[in-house]
Amino acid sequence: RASLPTGVHLISLPASHVIGPWAQRPGMSTRT
């Protein structure tokens, strides 16, 4: 944790809060 760059944090997160791949997150266009 001490070696992590600024803006990156080590946390515990329930699986129910993960909603999918970052590239396909809600609000992102599927068009390229």
PDB file of all heavy atoms in Angstrom:
ATOM      1  N   ARG A   1       0.833  -1.207   0.000  1.00  0.00           N
ATOM      2  CA  ARG A   1       0.000   0.000   0.000  1.00  0.00           C
ATOM      3  C   ARG A   1       0.866   1.254   0.000  1.00  0.00           C
ATOM      4  O   ARG A   1       0.562   2.225  -0.692  1.00  0.00           O
ATOM      5  CB  ARG A   1      -0.949   0.020   1.188  1.00  0.00           C
ATOM      6  CG  ARG A   1      -1.808   1.294   1.167  1.00  0.00           C
ATOM      7  CD  ARG A   1      -2.822   1.338   2.239  1.00  0.00           C
ATOM      8  NE  ARG A   1      -2.193   1.476   3.536  1.00  0.00           N
ATOM      9  CZ  ARG A   1      -2.863   1.663   4.654  1.00  0.00           C
ATOM     10  NH1 ARG A   1      -4.166   1.702   4.649  1.00  0.00           N
ATOM     11  NH2 ARG A   1      -2.233   1.781   5.793  1.00  0.00           N
ATOM     12  N   ALA A   2       1.968   1.240   0.748  1.00  0.00           N
ATOM     13  CA  ALA A   2       2.860   2.408   0.796  1.00  0.00           C
ATOM     14  C   ALA A   2       3.510   2.679  -0.558  1.00  0.00           C
ATOM     15  O   ALA A   2       3.871   3.815  -0.848  1.00  0.00           O
ATOM     16  CB  ALA A   2       3.933   2.197   1.860  1.00  0.00           C
ATOM     17  N   SER A   3       3.626   1.649  -1.401  1.00  0.00           N
ATOM     18  CA  SER A   3       4.268   1.817  -2.703  1.00  0.00           C
ATOM     19  C   SER A   3       3.300   2.263  -3.806  1.00  0.00           C
ATOM     20  O   SER A   3       3.740   2.559  -4.916  1.00  0.00           O
ATOM     21  CB  SER A   3       4.926   0.492  -3.129  1.00  0.00           C
ATOM     22  OG  SER A   3       3.943  -0.444  -3.553  1.00  0.00           O
ATOM     23  N   LEU A   4       2.014   2.306  -3.511  1.00  0.00           N
ATOM     24  CA  LEU A   4       1.024   2.648  -4.536  1.00  0.00           C
ATOM     25  C   LEU A   4       1.125   4.108  -4.960  1.00  0.00           C
ATOM     26  O   LEU A   4       1.378   4.986  -4.126  1.00  0.00           O
ATOM     27  CB  LEU A   4      -0.392   2.359  -4.023  1.00  0.00           C
ATOM     28  CG  LEU A   4      -0.718   0.896  -3.787  1.00  0.00           C
ATOM     29  CD1 LEU A   4      -2.086   0.758  -3.110  1.00  0.00           C
ATOM     30  CD2 LEU A   4      -0.667   0.109  -5.081  1.00  0.00           C
ATOM     31  N   PRO A   5       0.917   4.371  -6.245  1.00  0.00           N
ATOM     32  CA  PRO A   5       0.968   5.765  -6.707  1.00  0.00           C
ATOM     33  C   PRO A   5      -0.222   6.564  -6.178  1.00  0.00           C
ATOM     34  O   PRO A   5      -1.245   6.005  -5.782  1.00  0.00           O
ATOM     35  CB  PRO A   5       0.896   5.635  -8.234  1.00  0.00           C
ATOM     36  CG  PRO A   5       0.296   4.305  -8.495  1.00  0.00           C
ATOM     37  CD  PRO A   5       0.647   3.434  -7.334  1.00  0.00           C
ATOM     38  N   THR A   6      -0.078   7.874  -6.193  1.00  0.00           N
ATOM     39  CA  THR A   6      -1.154   8.772  -5.778  1.00  0.00           C
ATOM     40  C   THR A   6      -2.401   8.485  -6.612  1.00  0.00           C
ATOM     41  O   THR A   6      -2.319   8.318  -7.819  1.00  0.00           O
ATOM     42  CB  THR A   6      -0.726  10.234  -5.990  1.00  0.00           C
ATOM     43  OG1 THR A   6       0.463  10.455  -5.234  1.00  0.00           O
ATOM     44  CG2 THR A   6      -1.815  11.199  -5.558  1.00  0.00           C
ATOM     45  N   GLY A   7      -3.531   8.376  -5.953  1.00  0.00           N
ATOM     46  CA  GLY A   7      -4.791   8.124  -6.650  1.00  0.00           C
ATOM     47  C   GLY A   7      -5.190   6.664  -6.676  1.00  0.00           C
ATOM     48  O   GLY A   7      -6.299   6.333  -7.061  1.00  0.00           O
ATOM     49  N   VAL A   8      -4.304   5.754  -6.265  1.00  0.00           N
ATOM     50  CA  VAL A   8      -4.612   4.323  -6.224  1.00  0.00           C
ATOM     51  C   VAL A   8      -4.698   3.908  -4.753  1.00  0.00           C
ATOM     52  O   VAL A   8      -3.767   4.135  -3.984  1.00  0.00           O
ATOM     53  CB  VAL A   8      -3.550   3.478  -6.964  1.00  0.00           C
ATOM     54  CG1 VAL A   8      -3.851   1.989  -6.824  1.00  0.00           C
ATOM     55  CG2 VAL A   8      -3.474   3.876  -8.428  1.00  0.00           C
ATOM     56  N   HIS A   9      -5.843   3.313  -4.384  1.00  0.00           N
ATOM     57  CA  HIS A   9      -6.068   2.929  -2.988  1.00  0.00           C
ATOM     58  C   HIS A   9      -6.459   1.463  -2.892  1.00  0.00           C
ATOM     59  O   HIS A   9      -7.198   0.945  -3.730  1.00  0.00           O
ATOM     60  CB  HIS A   9      -7.162   3.803  -2.372  1.00  0.00           C
ATOM     61  CG  HIS A   9      -6.777   5.232  -2.312  1.00  0.00           C
ATOM     62  ND1 HIS A   9      -6.010   5.754  -1.317  1.00  0.00           N
ATOM     63  CD2 HIS A   9      -7.034   6.254  -3.168  1.00  0.00           C
ATOM     64  CE1 HIS A   9      -5.812   7.035  -1.547  1.00  0.00           C
ATOM     65  NE2 HIS A   9      -6.417   7.358  -2.672  1.00  0.00           N
ATOM     66  N   LEU A  10      -6.008   0.822  -1.844  1.00  0.00           N
ATOM     67  CA  LEU A  10      -6.308  -0.572  -1.553  1.00  0.00           C
ATOM     68  C   LEU A  10      -7.544  -0.616  -0.663  1.00  0.00           C
ATOM     69  O   LEU A  10      -7.556  -0.031   0.420  1.00  0.00           O
ATOM     70  CB  LEU A  10      -5.103  -1.174  -0.835  1.00  0.00           C
ATOM     71  CG  LEU A  10      -5.001  -2.663  -0.673  1.00  0.00           C
ATOM     72  CD1 LEU A  10      -4.999  -3.371  -2.031  1.00  0.00           C
ATOM     73  CD2 LEU A  10      -3.728  -3.011   0.083  1.00  0.00           C
ATOM     74  N   ILE A  11      -8.608  -1.276  -1.147  1.00  0.00           N
ATOM     75  CA  ILE A  11      -9.857  -1.324  -0.389  1.00  0.00           C
ATOM     76  C   ILE A  11     -10.457  -2.727  -0.446  1.00  0.00           C
ATOM     77  O   ILE A  11     -10.024  -3.575  -1.221  1.00  0.00           O
ATOM     78  CB  ILE A  11     -10.895  -0.305  -0.909  1.00  0.00           C
ATOM     79  CG1 ILE A  11     -11.334  -0.645  -2.340  1.00  0.00           C
ATOM     80  CG2 ILE A  11     -10.354   1.122  -0.823  1.00  0.00           C
ATOM     81  CD1 ILE A  11     -12.574   0.118  -2.810  1.00  0.00           C
ATOM     82  N   SER A  12     -11.491  -2.924   0.348  1.00  0.00           N
ATOM     83  CA  SER A  12     -12.323  -4.119   0.288  1.00  0.00           C
ATOM     84  C   SER A  12     -13.630  -3.701  -0.367  1.00  0.00           C
ATOM     85  O   SER A  12     -14.206  -2.677  -0.019  1.00  0.00           O
ATOM     86  CB  SER A  12     -12.575  -4.632   1.703  1.00  0.00           C
ATOM     87  OG  SER A  12     -13.556  -5.637   1.702  1.00  0.00           O
ATOM     88  N   LEU A  13     -14.088  -4.497  -1.342  1.00  0.00           N
ATOM     89  CA  LEU A  13     -15.292  -4.131  -2.090  1.00  0.00           C
ATOM     90  C   LEU A  13     -16.154  -5.369  -2.317  1.00  0.00           C
ATOM     91  O   LEU A  13     -15.663  -6.370  -2.839  1.00  0.00           O
ATOM     92  CB  LEU A  13     -14.880  -3.528  -3.441  1.00  0.00           C
ATOM     93  CG  LEU A  13     -15.988  -2.986  -4.328  1.00  0.00           C
ATOM     94  CD1 LEU A  13     -16.523  -1.673  -3.759  1.00  0.00           C
ATOM     95  CD2 LEU A  13     -15.454  -2.732  -5.728  1.00  0.00           C
ATOM     96  N   PRO A  14     -17.433  -5.334  -1.943  1.00  0.00           N
ATOM     97  CA  PRO A  14     -18.320  -6.464  -2.238  1.00  0.00           C
ATOM     98  C   PRO A  14     -18.465  -6.660  -3.749  1.00  0.00           C
ATOM     99  O   PRO A  14     -18.496  -5.692  -4.511  1.00  0.00           O
ATOM    100  CB  PRO A  14     -19.655  -6.052  -1.621  1.00  0.00           C
ATOM    101  CG  PRO A  14     -19.310  -5.027  -0.599  1.00  0.00           C
ATOM    102  CD  PRO A  14     -18.113  -4.304  -1.152  1.00  0.00           C
ATOM    103  N   ALA A  15     -18.550  -7.895  -4.172  1.00  0.00           N
ATOM    104  CA  ALA A  15     -18.669  -8.209  -5.593  1.00  0.00           C
ATOM    105  C   ALA A  15     -19.892  -7.556  -6.223  1.00  0.00           C
ATOM    106  O   ALA A  15     -19.885  -7.222  -7.405  1.00  0.00           O
ATOM    107  CB  ALA A  15     -18.723  -9.720  -5.795  1.00  0.00           C
ATOM    108  N   SER A  16     -20.927  -7.326  -5.442  1.00  0.00           N
ATOM    109  CA  SER A  16     -22.147  -6.727  -5.983  1.00  0.00           C
ATOM    110  C   SER A  16     -21.933  -5.297  -6.476  1.00  0.00           C
ATOM    111  O   SER A  16     -22.757  -4.771  -7.212  1.00  0.00           O
ATOM    112  CB  SER A  16     -23.256  -6.745  -4.924  1.00  0.00           C
ATOM    113  OG  SER A  16     -22.847  -6.021  -3.774  1.00  0.00           O
ATOM    114  N   HIS A  17     -20.828  -4.666  -6.107  1.00  0.00           N
ATOM    115  CA  HIS A  17     -20.540  -3.304  -6.566  1.00  0.00           C
ATOM    116  C   HIS A  17     -19.786  -3.278  -7.891  1.00  0.00           C
ATOM    117  O   HIS A  17     -19.629  -2.217  -8.484  1.00  0.00           O
ATOM    118  CB  HIS A  17     -19.748  -2.537  -5.513  1.00  0.00           C
ATOM    119  CG  HIS A  17     -20.525  -2.270  -4.269  1.00  0.00           C
ATOM    120  ND1 HIS A  17     -21.762  -1.660  -4.254  1.00  0.00           N
ATOM    121  CD2 HIS A  17     -20.251  -2.549  -2.971  1.00  0.00           C
ATOM    122  CE1 HIS A  17     -22.203  -1.566  -3.014  1.00  0.00           C
ATOM    123  NE2 HIS A  17     -21.307  -2.102  -2.221  1.00  0.00           N
ATOM    124  N   VAL A  18     -19.304  -4.430  -8.351  1.00  0.00           N
ATOM    125  CA  VAL A  18     -18.609  -4.497  -9.636  1.00  0.00           C
ATOM    126  C   VAL A  18     -19.660  -4.688 -10.719  1.00  0.00           C
ATOM    127  O   VAL A  18     -20.485  -5.591 -10.653  1.00  0.00           O
ATOM    128  CB  VAL A  18     -17.579  -5.647  -9.656  1.00  0.00           C
ATOM    129  CG1 VAL A  18     -16.897  -5.748 -11.015  1.00  0.00           C
ATOM    130  CG2 VAL A  18     -16.544  -5.441  -8.549  1.00  0.00           C
ATOM    131  N   ILE A  19     -19.639  -3.798 -11.733  1.00  0.00           N
ATOM    132  CA  ILE A  19     -20.715  -3.824 -12.725  1.00  0.00           C
ATOM    133  C   ILE A  19     -20.272  -4.255 -14.113  1.00  0.00           C
ATOM    134  O   ILE A  19     -21.101  -4.326 -15.012  1.00  0.00           O
ATOM    135  CB  ILE A  19     -21.438  -2.462 -12.784  1.00  0.00           C
ATOM    136  CG1 ILE A  19     -20.459  -1.328 -13.078  1.00  0.00           C
ATOM    137  CG2 ILE A  19     -22.186  -2.203 -11.501  1.00  0.00           C
ATOM    138  CD1 ILE A  19     -21.117   0.037 -13.203  1.00  0.00           C
ATOM    139  N   GLY A  20     -19.001  -4.567 -14.298  1.00  0.00           N
ATOM    140  CA  GLY A  20     -18.541  -5.049 -15.595  1.00  0.00           C
ATOM    141  C   GLY A  20     -17.213  -4.462 -15.999  1.00  0.00           C
ATOM    142  O   GLY A  20     -16.578  -3.748 -15.229  1.00  0.00           O
ATOM    143  N   PRO A  21     -16.798  -4.731 -17.236  1.00  0.00           N
ATOM    144  CA  PRO A  21     -15.519  -4.202 -17.722  1.00  0.00           C
ATOM    145  C   PRO A  21     -15.533  -2.673 -17.794  1.00  0.00           C
ATOM    146  O   PRO A  21     -16.551  -2.073 -18.150  1.00  0.00           O
ATOM    147  CB  PRO A  21     -15.383  -4.801 -19.125  1.00  0.00           C
ATOM    148  CG  PRO A  21     -16.326  -5.959 -19.149  1.00  0.00           C
ATOM    149  CD  PRO A  21     -17.434  -5.616 -18.201  1.00  0.00           C
ATOM    150  N   TRP A  22     -14.417  -2.059 -17.477  1.00  0.00           N
ATOM    151  CA  TRP A  22     -14.308  -0.607 -17.511  1.00  0.00           C
ATOM    152  C   TRP A  22     -14.596  -0.064 -18.906  1.00  0.00           C
ATOM    153  O   TRP A  22     -15.267   0.954 -19.054  1.00  0.00           O
ATOM    154  CB  TRP A  22     -12.922  -0.176 -17.035  1.00  0.00           C
ATOM    155  CG  TRP A  22     -12.719   1.298 -17.038  1.00  0.00           C
ATOM    156  CD1 TRP A  22     -11.887   2.010 -17.845  1.00  0.00           C
ATOM    157  CD2 TRP A  22     -13.360   2.260 -16.188  1.00  0.00           C
ATOM    158  NE1 TRP A  22     -11.969   3.355 -17.549  1.00  0.00           N
ATOM    159  CE2 TRP A  22     -12.867   3.534 -16.532  1.00  0.00           C
ATOM    160  CE3 TRP A  22     -14.311   2.171 -15.180  1.00  0.00           C
ATOM    161  CZ2 TRP A  22     -13.293   4.695 -15.904  1.00  0.00           C
ATOM    162  CZ3 TRP A  22     -14.724   3.332 -14.550  1.00  0.00           C
ATOM    163  CH2 TRP A  22     -14.216   4.579 -14.915  1.00  0.00           C
ATOM    164  N   ALA A  23     -14.105  -0.736 -19.935  1.00  0.00           N
ATOM    165  CA  ALA A  23     -14.306  -0.271 -21.310  1.00  0.00           C
ATOM    166  C   ALA A  23     -15.780  -0.298 -21.721  1.00  0.00           C
ATOM    167  O   ALA A  23     -16.171   0.389 -22.658  1.00  0.00           O
ATOM    168  CB  ALA A  23     -13.473  -1.105 -22.270  1.00  0.00           C
ATOM    169  N   GLN A  24     -16.603  -1.088 -21.023  1.00  0.00           N
ATOM    170  CA  GLN A  24     -18.021  -1.210 -21.367  1.00  0.00           C
ATOM    171  C   GLN A  24     -18.916  -0.650 -20.264  1.00  0.00           C
ATOM    172  O   GLN A  24     -20.085  -1.011 -20.159  1.00  0.00           O
ATOM    173  CB  GLN A  24     -18.361  -2.679 -21.626  1.00  0.00           C
ATOM    174  CG  GLN A  24     -17.600  -3.257 -22.781  1.00  0.00           C
ATOM    175  CD  GLN A  24     -17.805  -4.759 -22.890  1.00  0.00           C
ATOM    176  OE1 GLN A  24     -18.603  -5.360 -22.187  1.00  0.00           O
ATOM    177  NE2 GLN A  24     -17.048  -5.374 -23.774  1.00  0.00           N
ATOM    178  N   ARG A  25     -18.390   0.253 -19.458  1.00  0.00           N
ATOM    179  CA  ARG A  25     -19.162   0.809 -18.347  1.00  0.00           C
ATOM    180  C   ARG A  25     -20.367   1.595 -18.870  1.00  0.00           C
ATOM    181  O   ARG A  25     -20.358   2.076 -20.002  1.00  0.00           O
ATOM    182  CB  ARG A  25     -18.282   1.700 -17.482  1.00  0.00           C
ATOM    183  CG  ARG A  25     -17.756   2.931 -18.172  1.00  0.00           C
ATOM    184  CD  ARG A  25     -16.652   3.581 -17.343  1.00  0.00           C
ATOM    185  NE  ARG A  25     -16.067   4.732 -18.000  1.00  0.00           N
ATOM    186  CZ  ARG A  25     -15.116   4.685 -18.915  1.00  0.00           C
ATOM    187  NH1 ARG A  25     -14.633   3.521 -19.316  1.00  0.00           N
ATOM    188  NH2 ARG A  25     -14.613   5.790 -19.443  1.00  0.00           N
ATOM    189  N   PRO A  26     -21.400   1.701 -18.066  1.00  0.00           N
ATOM    190  CA  PRO A  26     -22.575   2.469 -18.477  1.00  0.00           C
ATOM    191  C   PRO A  26     -22.181   3.898 -18.858  1.00  0.00           C
ATOM    192  O   PRO A  26     -21.331   4.511 -18.227  1.00  0.00           O
ATOM    193  CB  PRO A  26     -23.448   2.484 -17.212  1.00  0.00           C
ATOM    194  CG  PRO A  26     -23.049   1.234 -16.497  1.00  0.00           C
ATOM    195  CD  PRO A  26     -21.570   1.091 -16.751  1.00  0.00           C
ATOM    196  N   GLY A  27     -22.786   4.380 -19.925  1.00  0.00           N
ATOM    197  CA  GLY A  27     -22.509   5.719 -20.403  1.00  0.00           C
ATOM    198  C   GLY A  27     -21.463   5.776 -21.502  1.00  0.00           C
ATOM    199  O   GLY A  27     -21.278   6.804 -22.116  1.00  0.00           O
ATOM    200  N   MET A  28     -20.773   4.667 -21.735  1.00  0.00           N
ATOM    201  CA  MET A  28     -19.759   4.632 -22.802  1.00  0.00           C
ATOM    202  C   MET A  28     -20.426   4.207 -24.095  1.00  0.00           C
ATOM    203  O   MET A  28     -21.251   3.285 -24.116  1.00  0.00           O
ATOM    204  CB  MET A  28     -18.633   3.656 -22.469  1.00  0.00           C
ATOM    205  CG  MET A  28     -17.774   4.112 -21.317  1.00  0.00           C
ATOM    206  SD  MET A  28     -17.004   5.732 -21.564  1.00  0.00           S
ATOM    207  CE  MET A  28     -15.972   5.404 -22.971  1.00  0.00           C
ATOM    208  N   SER A  29     -20.081   4.833 -25.170  1.00  0.00           N
ATOM    209  CA  SER A  29     -20.619   4.487 -26.478  1.00  0.00           C
ATOM    210  C   SER A  29     -19.988   3.195 -26.970  1.00  0.00           C
ATOM    211  O   SER A  29     -18.802   2.968 -26.773  1.00  0.00           O
ATOM    212  CB  SER A  29     -20.320   5.607 -27.459  1.00  0.00           C
ATOM    213  OG  SER A  29     -20.700   5.226 -28.753  1.00  0.00           O
ATOM    214  N   THR A  30     -20.760   2.343 -27.604  1.00  0.00           N
ATOM    215  CA  THR A  30     -20.221   1.101 -28.156  1.00  0.00           C
ATOM    216  C   THR A  30     -19.716   1.315 -29.569  1.00  0.00           C
ATOM    217  O   THR A  30     -19.141   0.415 -30.165  1.00  0.00           O
ATOM    218  CB  THR A  30     -21.297  -0.019 -28.163  1.00  0.00           C
ATOM    219  OG1 THR A  30     -22.437   0.461 -28.881  1.00  0.00           O
ATOM    220  CG2 THR A  30     -21.658  -0.389 -26.745  1.00  0.00           C
ATOM    221  N   ARG A  31     -19.909   2.510 -30.102  1.00  0.00           N
ATOM    222  CA  ARG A  31     -19.408   2.825 -31.436  1.00  0.00           C
ATOM    223  C   ARG A  31     -17.943   3.193 -31.376  1.00  0.00           C
ATOM    224  O   ARG A  31     -17.498   3.810 -30.431  1.00  0.00           O
ATOM    225  CB  ARG A  31     -20.194   3.982 -32.051  1.00  0.00           C
ATOM    226  CG  ARG A  31     -21.624   3.613 -32.367  1.00  0.00           C
ATOM    227  CD  ARG A  31     -22.343   4.789 -32.928  1.00  0.00           C
ATOM    228  NE  ARG A  31     -22.915   5.500 -31.765  1.00  0.00           N
ATOM    229  CZ  ARG A  31     -23.177   6.792 -31.748  1.00  0.00           C
ATOM    230  NH1 ARG A  31     -22.914   7.539 -32.793  1.00  0.00           N
ATOM    231  NH2 ARG A  31     -23.698   7.353 -30.687  1.00  0.00           N
ATOM    232  N   THR A  32     -17.188   2.825 -32.418  1.00  0.00           N
ATOM    233  CA  THR A  32     -15.781   3.181 -32.482  1.00  0.00           C
ATOM    234  C   THR A  32     -15.518   4.182 -33.578  1.00  0.00           C
ATOM    235  O   THR A  32     -16.291   4.436 -34.432  1.00  0.00           O
ATOM    236  CB  THR A  32     -14.902   1.942 -32.720  1.00  0.00           C
ATOM    237  OG1 THR A  32     -15.333   1.290 -33.901  1.00  0.00           O
ATOM    238  CG2 THR A  32     -14.963   1.035 -31.512  1.00  0.00           C
TER     239      THR A  32
END
